Amino acid sequence: MNMDVPSCNEIKDLNFWVPPQPSSLMLSIITREGKKVKIDMLPDMDDATDESIPDLKRKRTIYLDDKAVPLKSEAEAAAMRLLSDLIAKQQLGHPQGLAVYMANEMIEYFGYKK
């Protein structure tokens, strides 16, 4: 199973979306080589509508091209590194915007050290 997450420098085009369910962020990427990559960070559907669960306690999964990324894997670390770089390069919109907020929440949830 190929779990290659592109680096920030490999991205030609980036679209992002914060879906209405909590603890979610979706990225659609086209690399400089023309490869399409989809990275979705989504909550466990059992917890998605339970507002009593604090956001950082809500279980979530990273999907790379619709395949679940194993916890504590290099692909998970690469996805978090990408989010960190996108924030640093202001590629996720306004610094106080919802996408940046959600990206920071993902980084904290998955325990990535910037």
N, C-alpha and C. Protein backbone atom coordinates (compact mmCIF):
# COMPACT_ATOMS: atom_id res chain seq x y z
N MET A 1 0.85 -1.18 0.00
CA MET A 1 0.00 0.00 0.00
C MET A 1 0.90 1.24 0.00
N ASN A 2 0.71 2.11 -0.98
CA ASN A 2 1.51 3.32 -1.10
C ASN A 2 0.92 4.41 -0.22
N MET A 3 1.71 4.92 0.71
CA MET A 3 1.25 5.95 1.64
C MET A 3 2.16 7.18 1.53
N ASP A 4 2.41 7.63 0.32
CA ASP A 4 3.29 8.78 0.13
C ASP A 4 2.52 10.08 0.29
N VAL A 5 2.91 10.85 1.29
CA VAL A 5 2.35 12.18 1.52
C VAL A 5 3.32 13.17 0.90
N PRO A 6 2.85 14.03 0.00
CA PRO A 6 3.77 14.99 -0.61
C PRO A 6 4.25 16.02 0.40
N SER A 7 5.43 16.55 0.16
CA SER A 7 5.93 17.65 0.98
C SER A 7 5.30 18.95 0.47
N CYS A 8 5.41 19.97 1.26
CA CYS A 8 4.85 21.27 0.89
C CYS A 8 5.44 21.77 -0.43
N ASN A 9 6.72 21.50 -0.65
CA ASN A 9 7.40 21.96 -1.86
C ASN A 9 6.98 21.21 -3.11
N GLU A 10 6.36 20.04 -2.95
CA GLU A 10 5.92 19.24 -4.10
C GLU A 10 4.53 19.64 -4.58
N ILE A 11 3.86 20.52 -3.86
CA ILE A 11 2.47 20.86 -4.17
C ILE A 11 2.39 21.95 -5.23
N LYS A 12 1.63 21.66 -6.26
CA LYS A 12 1.35 22.65 -7.31
C LYS A 12 0.03 23.36 -7.00
N ASP A 13 -0.98 22.59 -6.57
CA ASP A 13 -2.31 23.16 -6.30
C ASP A 13 -2.86 22.52 -5.03
N LEU A 14 -3.46 23.34 -4.18
CA LEU A 14 -4.02 22.87 -2.92
C LEU A 14 -5.40 23.46 -2.72
N ASN A 15 -6.34 22.59 -2.40
CA ASN A 15 -7.67 23.02 -1.96
C ASN A 15 -7.92 22.37 -0.61
N PHE A 16 -8.57 23.10 0.28
CA PHE A 16 -8.85 22.55 1.60
C PHE A 16 -10.29 22.91 1.98
N TRP A 17 -10.83 22.07 2.87
CA TRP A 17 -12.21 22.24 3.29
C TRP A 17 -12.33 21.77 4.73
N VAL A 18 -13.05 22.54 5.54
CA VAL A 18 -13.37 22.14 6.89
C VAL A 18 -14.85 21.75 6.88
N PRO A 19 -15.13 20.44 6.89
CA PRO A 19 -16.53 19.98 6.85
C PRO A 19 -17.29 20.40 8.11
N PRO A 20 -18.61 20.32 8.07
CA PRO A 20 -19.40 20.76 9.23
C PRO A 20 -19.28 19.88 10.46
N GLN A 21 -18.90 18.60 10.31
CA GLN A 21 -18.74 17.79 11.51
C GLN A 21 -17.46 18.22 12.23
N PRO A 22 -17.44 18.13 13.57
CA PRO A 22 -16.27 18.59 14.32
C PRO A 22 -15.05 17.74 14.05
N SER A 23 -13.89 18.32 14.32
CA SER A 23 -12.61 17.60 14.25
C SER A 23 -12.32 17.05 12.86
N SER A 24 -12.57 17.86 11.83
CA SER A 24 -12.40 17.40 10.44
C SER A 24 -11.62 18.42 9.61
N LEU A 25 -10.81 17.92 8.72
CA LEU A 25 -10.11 18.75 7.75
C LEU A 25 -9.83 17.88 6.53
N MET A 26 -10.07 18.42 5.34
CA MET A 26 -9.86 17.67 4.10
C MET A 26 -8.97 18.49 3.17
N LEU A 27 -7.98 17.82 2.59
CA LEU A 27 -7.05 18.45 1.65
C LEU A 27 -7.13 17.73 0.31
N SER A 28 -7.16 18.50 -0.76
CA SER A 28 -7.08 17.96 -2.11
C SER A 28 -5.86 18.60 -2.76
N ILE A 29 -4.91 17.75 -3.16
CA ILE A 29 -3.61 18.22 -3.62
C ILE A 29 -3.33 17.72 -5.02
N ILE A 30 -2.70 18.57 -5.81
CA ILE A 30 -2.11 18.16 -7.08
C ILE A 30 -0.64 18.49 -6.98
N THR A 31 0.21 17.48 -7.18
CA THR A 31 1.65 17.69 -7.08
C THR A 31 2.18 18.30 -8.37
N ARG A 32 3.41 18.72 -8.33
CA ARG A 32 4.07 19.29 -9.52
C ARG A 32 4.16 18.26 -10.65
N GLU A 33 4.15 16.96 -10.29
CA GLU A 33 4.17 15.89 -11.30
C GLU A 33 2.77 15.55 -11.80
N GLY A 34 1.74 16.23 -11.28
CA GLY A 34 0.38 15.99 -11.73
C GLY A 34 -0.38 14.92 -10.97
N LYS A 35 0.22 14.36 -9.93
CA LYS A 35 -0.44 13.33 -9.13
C LYS A 35 -1.47 13.97 -8.20
N LYS A 36 -2.66 13.38 -8.16
CA LYS A 36 -3.71 13.85 -7.26
C LYS A 36 -3.63 13.08 -5.95
N VAL A 37 -3.66 13.80 -4.84
CA VAL A 37 -3.58 13.21 -3.52
C VAL A 37 -4.70 13.81 -2.67
N LYS A 38 -5.42 12.92 -1.99
CA LYS A 38 -6.50 13.38 -1.10
C LYS A 38 -6.15 12.95 0.32
N ILE A 39 -6.13 13.93 1.23
CA ILE A 39 -5.87 13.64 2.64
C ILE A 39 -7.08 14.14 3.43
N ASP A 40 -7.75 13.20 4.07
CA ASP A 40 -8.92 13.53 4.89
C ASP A 40 -8.62 13.17 6.33
N MET A 41 -8.89 14.09 7.23
CA MET A 41 -8.75 13.85 8.66
C MET A 41 -10.16 13.97 9.23
N LEU A 42 -10.71 12.82 9.62
CA LEU A 42 -12.13 12.77 9.98
C LEU A 42 -12.34 12.09 11.33
N PRO A 43 -13.42 12.49 12.04
CA PRO A 43 -13.71 11.85 13.32
C PRO A 43 -14.35 10.49 13.13
N ASP A 44 -14.25 9.68 14.17
CA ASP A 44 -14.99 8.42 14.21
C ASP A 44 -16.47 8.78 14.08
N MET A 45 -17.16 8.17 13.16
CA MET A 45 -18.55 8.56 12.89
C MET A 45 -19.46 8.36 14.11
N ASP A 46 -19.11 7.45 15.02
CA ASP A 46 -19.91 7.27 16.23
C ASP A 46 -19.81 8.50 17.13
N ASP A 47 -18.68 9.22 17.07
CA ASP A 47 -18.46 10.39 17.91
C ASP A 47 -18.77 11.70 17.19
N ALA A 48 -18.99 11.66 15.89
CA ALA A 48 -19.07 12.88 15.08
C ALA A 48 -20.14 13.85 15.54
N THR A 49 -21.25 13.36 16.02
CA THR A 49 -22.34 14.27 16.41
C THR A 49 -22.52 14.38 17.91
N ASP A 50 -21.67 13.71 18.70
CA ASP A 50 -21.78 13.77 20.15
C ASP A 50 -21.04 15.00 20.66
N GLU A 51 -21.79 16.07 20.93
CA GLU A 51 -21.18 17.33 21.33
C GLU A 51 -20.65 17.30 22.76
N SER A 52 -20.93 16.24 23.52
CA SER A 52 -20.43 16.15 24.89
C SER A 52 -18.95 15.74 24.93
N ILE A 53 -18.42 15.25 23.81
CA ILE A 53 -17.02 14.83 23.75
C ILE A 53 -16.16 16.04 23.40
N PRO A 54 -15.20 16.39 24.27
CA PRO A 54 -14.30 17.50 23.93
C PRO A 54 -13.54 17.21 22.63
N ASP A 55 -13.28 18.24 21.85
CA ASP A 55 -12.67 18.05 20.53
C ASP A 55 -11.38 17.24 20.56
N LEU A 56 -10.49 17.51 21.51
CA LEU A 56 -9.22 16.79 21.52
C LEU A 56 -9.35 15.37 22.04
N LYS A 57 -10.51 14.99 22.52
CA LYS A 57 -10.76 13.61 22.96
C LYS A 57 -11.51 12.81 21.90
N ARG A 58 -11.97 13.50 20.86
CA ARG A 58 -12.75 12.86 19.81
C ARG A 58 -11.81 12.03 18.92
N LYS A 59 -12.05 10.72 18.86
CA LYS A 59 -11.21 9.83 18.04
C LYS A 59 -11.30 10.24 16.58
N ARG A 60 -10.18 10.23 15.91
CA ARG A 60 -10.16 10.58 14.48
C ARG A 60 -9.15 9.75 13.73
N THR A 61 -9.33 9.70 12.44
CA THR A 61 -8.48 8.90 11.56
C THR A 61 -8.04 9.75 10.39
N ILE A 62 -6.81 9.53 9.93
CA ILE A 62 -6.31 10.17 8.71
C ILE A 62 -6.50 9.17 7.58
N TYR A 63 -7.05 9.64 6.47
CA TYR A 63 -7.20 8.82 5.28
C TYR A 63 -6.37 9.44 4.17
N LEU A 64 -5.56 8.63 3.53
CA LEU A 64 -4.76 9.06 2.39
C LEU A 64 -5.30 8.33 1.18
N ASP A 65 -5.92 9.09 0.28
CA ASP A 65 -6.57 8.50 -0.90
C ASP A 65 -7.53 7.38 -0.48
N ASP A 66 -8.35 7.67 0.52
CA ASP A 66 -9.41 6.79 1.04
C ASP A 66 -8.90 5.56 1.78
N LYS A 67 -7.62 5.49 2.09
CA LYS A 67 -7.07 4.37 2.86
C LYS A 67 -6.67 4.89 4.23
N ALA A 68 -7.09 4.20 5.30
CA ALA A 68 -6.75 4.62 6.65
C ALA A 68 -5.24 4.56 6.86
N VAL A 69 -4.70 5.62 7.42
CA VAL A 69 -3.27 5.70 7.72
C VAL A 69 -3.05 5.09 9.11
N PRO A 70 -2.12 4.15 9.23
CA PRO A 70 -1.85 3.54 10.54
C PRO A 70 -1.36 4.59 11.55
N LEU A 71 -1.80 4.43 12.80
CA LEU A 71 -1.36 5.32 13.87
C LEU A 71 0.14 5.19 14.08
N LYS A 72 0.76 6.31 14.38
CA LYS A 72 2.20 6.38 14.68
C LYS A 72 3.08 5.90 13.53
N SER A 73 2.56 5.98 12.31
CA SER A 73 3.32 5.57 11.13
C SER A 73 4.07 6.76 10.53
N GLU A 74 4.96 6.48 9.60
CA GLU A 74 5.66 7.55 8.90
C GLU A 74 4.67 8.38 8.09
N ALA A 75 3.64 7.76 7.53
CA ALA A 75 2.63 8.51 6.77
C ALA A 75 1.88 9.48 7.67
N GLU A 76 1.56 9.07 8.91
CA GLU A 76 0.90 9.98 9.85
C GLU A 76 1.82 11.17 10.15
N ALA A 77 3.09 10.88 10.45
CA ALA A 77 4.05 11.95 10.73
C ALA A 77 4.21 12.88 9.53
N ALA A 78 4.24 12.31 8.32
CA ALA A 78 4.37 13.13 7.11
C ALA A 78 3.15 14.03 6.92
N ALA A 79 1.96 13.52 7.21
CA ALA A 79 0.74 14.33 7.09
C ALA A 79 0.76 15.48 8.08
N MET A 80 1.22 15.23 9.30
CA MET A 80 1.29 16.29 10.31
C MET A 80 2.39 17.30 9.97
N ARG A 81 3.50 16.80 9.43
CA ARG A 81 4.58 17.69 8.99
C ARG A 81 4.07 18.59 7.87
N LEU A 82 3.29 18.01 6.95
CA LEU A 82 2.72 18.80 5.86
C LEU A 82 1.81 19.90 6.42
N LEU A 83 0.93 19.54 7.36
CA LEU A 83 0.05 20.55 7.96
C LEU A 83 0.86 21.67 8.61
N SER A 84 1.88 21.29 9.35
CA SER A 84 2.73 22.29 10.00
C SER A 84 3.37 23.23 8.98
N ASP A 85 3.88 22.67 7.89
CA ASP A 85 4.51 23.48 6.84
C ASP A 85 3.48 24.37 6.13
N LEU A 86 2.29 23.84 5.88
CA LEU A 86 1.24 24.64 5.24
C LEU A 86 0.85 25.83 6.11
N ILE A 87 0.79 25.61 7.42
CA ILE A 87 0.49 26.72 8.34
C ILE A 87 1.61 27.74 8.29
N ALA A 88 2.85 27.29 8.39
CA ALA A 88 4.01 28.18 8.41
C ALA A 88 4.09 29.02 7.14
N LYS A 89 3.71 28.42 6.01
CA LYS A 89 3.77 29.14 4.72
C LYS A 89 2.45 29.83 4.38
N GLN A 90 1.53 29.86 5.35
CA GLN A 90 0.22 30.52 5.21
C GLN A 90 -0.55 30.04 3.98
N GLN A 91 -0.54 28.72 3.78
CA GLN A 91 -1.23 28.12 2.64
C GLN A 91 -2.64 27.64 2.98
N LEU A 92 -3.04 27.77 4.27
CA LEU A 92 -4.37 27.33 4.68
C LEU A 92 -5.28 28.51 5.01
N GLY A 93 -5.04 29.62 4.36
CA GLY A 93 -5.90 30.78 4.57
C GLY A 93 -5.42 31.64 5.73
N HIS A 94 -6.32 32.45 6.25
CA HIS A 94 -6.02 33.42 7.29
C HIS A 94 -5.45 32.71 8.53
N PRO A 95 -4.41 33.29 9.16
CA PRO A 95 -3.80 32.65 10.33
C PRO A 95 -4.77 32.36 11.48
N GLN A 96 -5.85 33.12 11.59
CA GLN A 96 -6.86 32.85 12.61
C GLN A 96 -8.09 32.16 12.02
N GLY A 97 -7.97 31.66 10.80
CA GLY A 97 -9.09 31.02 10.13
C GLY A 97 -9.35 29.61 10.64
N LEU A 98 -10.51 29.09 10.28
CA LEU A 98 -10.94 27.78 10.75
C LEU A 98 -10.02 26.66 10.27
N ALA A 99 -9.51 26.72 9.05
CA ALA A 99 -8.63 25.66 8.54
C ALA A 99 -7.34 25.60 9.33
N VAL A 100 -6.77 26.75 9.67
CA VAL A 100 -5.54 26.78 10.46
C VAL A 100 -5.82 26.27 11.88
N TYR A 101 -6.95 26.68 12.44
CA TYR A 101 -7.34 26.21 13.77
C TYR A 101 -7.46 24.68 13.77
N MET A 102 -8.13 24.14 12.75
CA MET A 102 -8.33 22.70 12.68
C MET A 102 -7.01 21.97 12.42
N ALA A 103 -6.14 22.54 11.59
CA ALA A 103 -4.83 21.93 11.34
C ALA A 103 -4.02 21.88 12.63
N ASN A 104 -4.03 22.95 13.41
CA ASN A 104 -3.32 22.95 14.69
C ASN A 104 -3.92 21.92 15.65
N GLU A 105 -5.24 21.78 15.63
CA GLU A 105 -5.89 20.78 16.48
C GLU A 105 -5.45 19.37 16.07
N MET A 106 -5.36 19.11 14.76
CA MET A 106 -4.90 17.80 14.28
C MET A 106 -3.48 17.52 14.74
N ILE A 107 -2.62 18.51 14.61
CA ILE A 107 -1.22 18.37 15.02
C ILE A 107 -1.14 18.04 16.50
N GLU A 108 -1.93 18.73 17.31
CA GLU A 108 -1.94 18.47 18.75
C GLU A 108 -2.52 17.08 19.04
N TYR A 109 -3.63 16.73 18.38
CA TYR A 109 -4.26 15.45 18.62
C TYR A 109 -3.31 14.28 18.32
N PHE A 110 -2.64 14.35 17.19
CA PHE A 110 -1.75 13.25 16.79
C PHE A 110 -0.37 13.34 17.43
N GLY A 111 -0.15 14.36 18.27
CA GLY A 111 1.07 14.43 19.05
C GLY A 111 2.32 14.78 18.25
N TYR A 112 2.14 15.49 17.13
CA TYR A 112 3.28 15.86 16.31
C TYR A 112 4.01 17.04 16.94
N LYS A 113 5.31 16.95 17.04
CA LYS A 113 6.14 18.04 17.57
C LYS A 113 6.68 18.84 16.41
N LYS A 114 6.29 20.12 16.34
CA LYS A 114 6.72 21.01 15.25
C LYS A 114 8.21 21.27 15.31
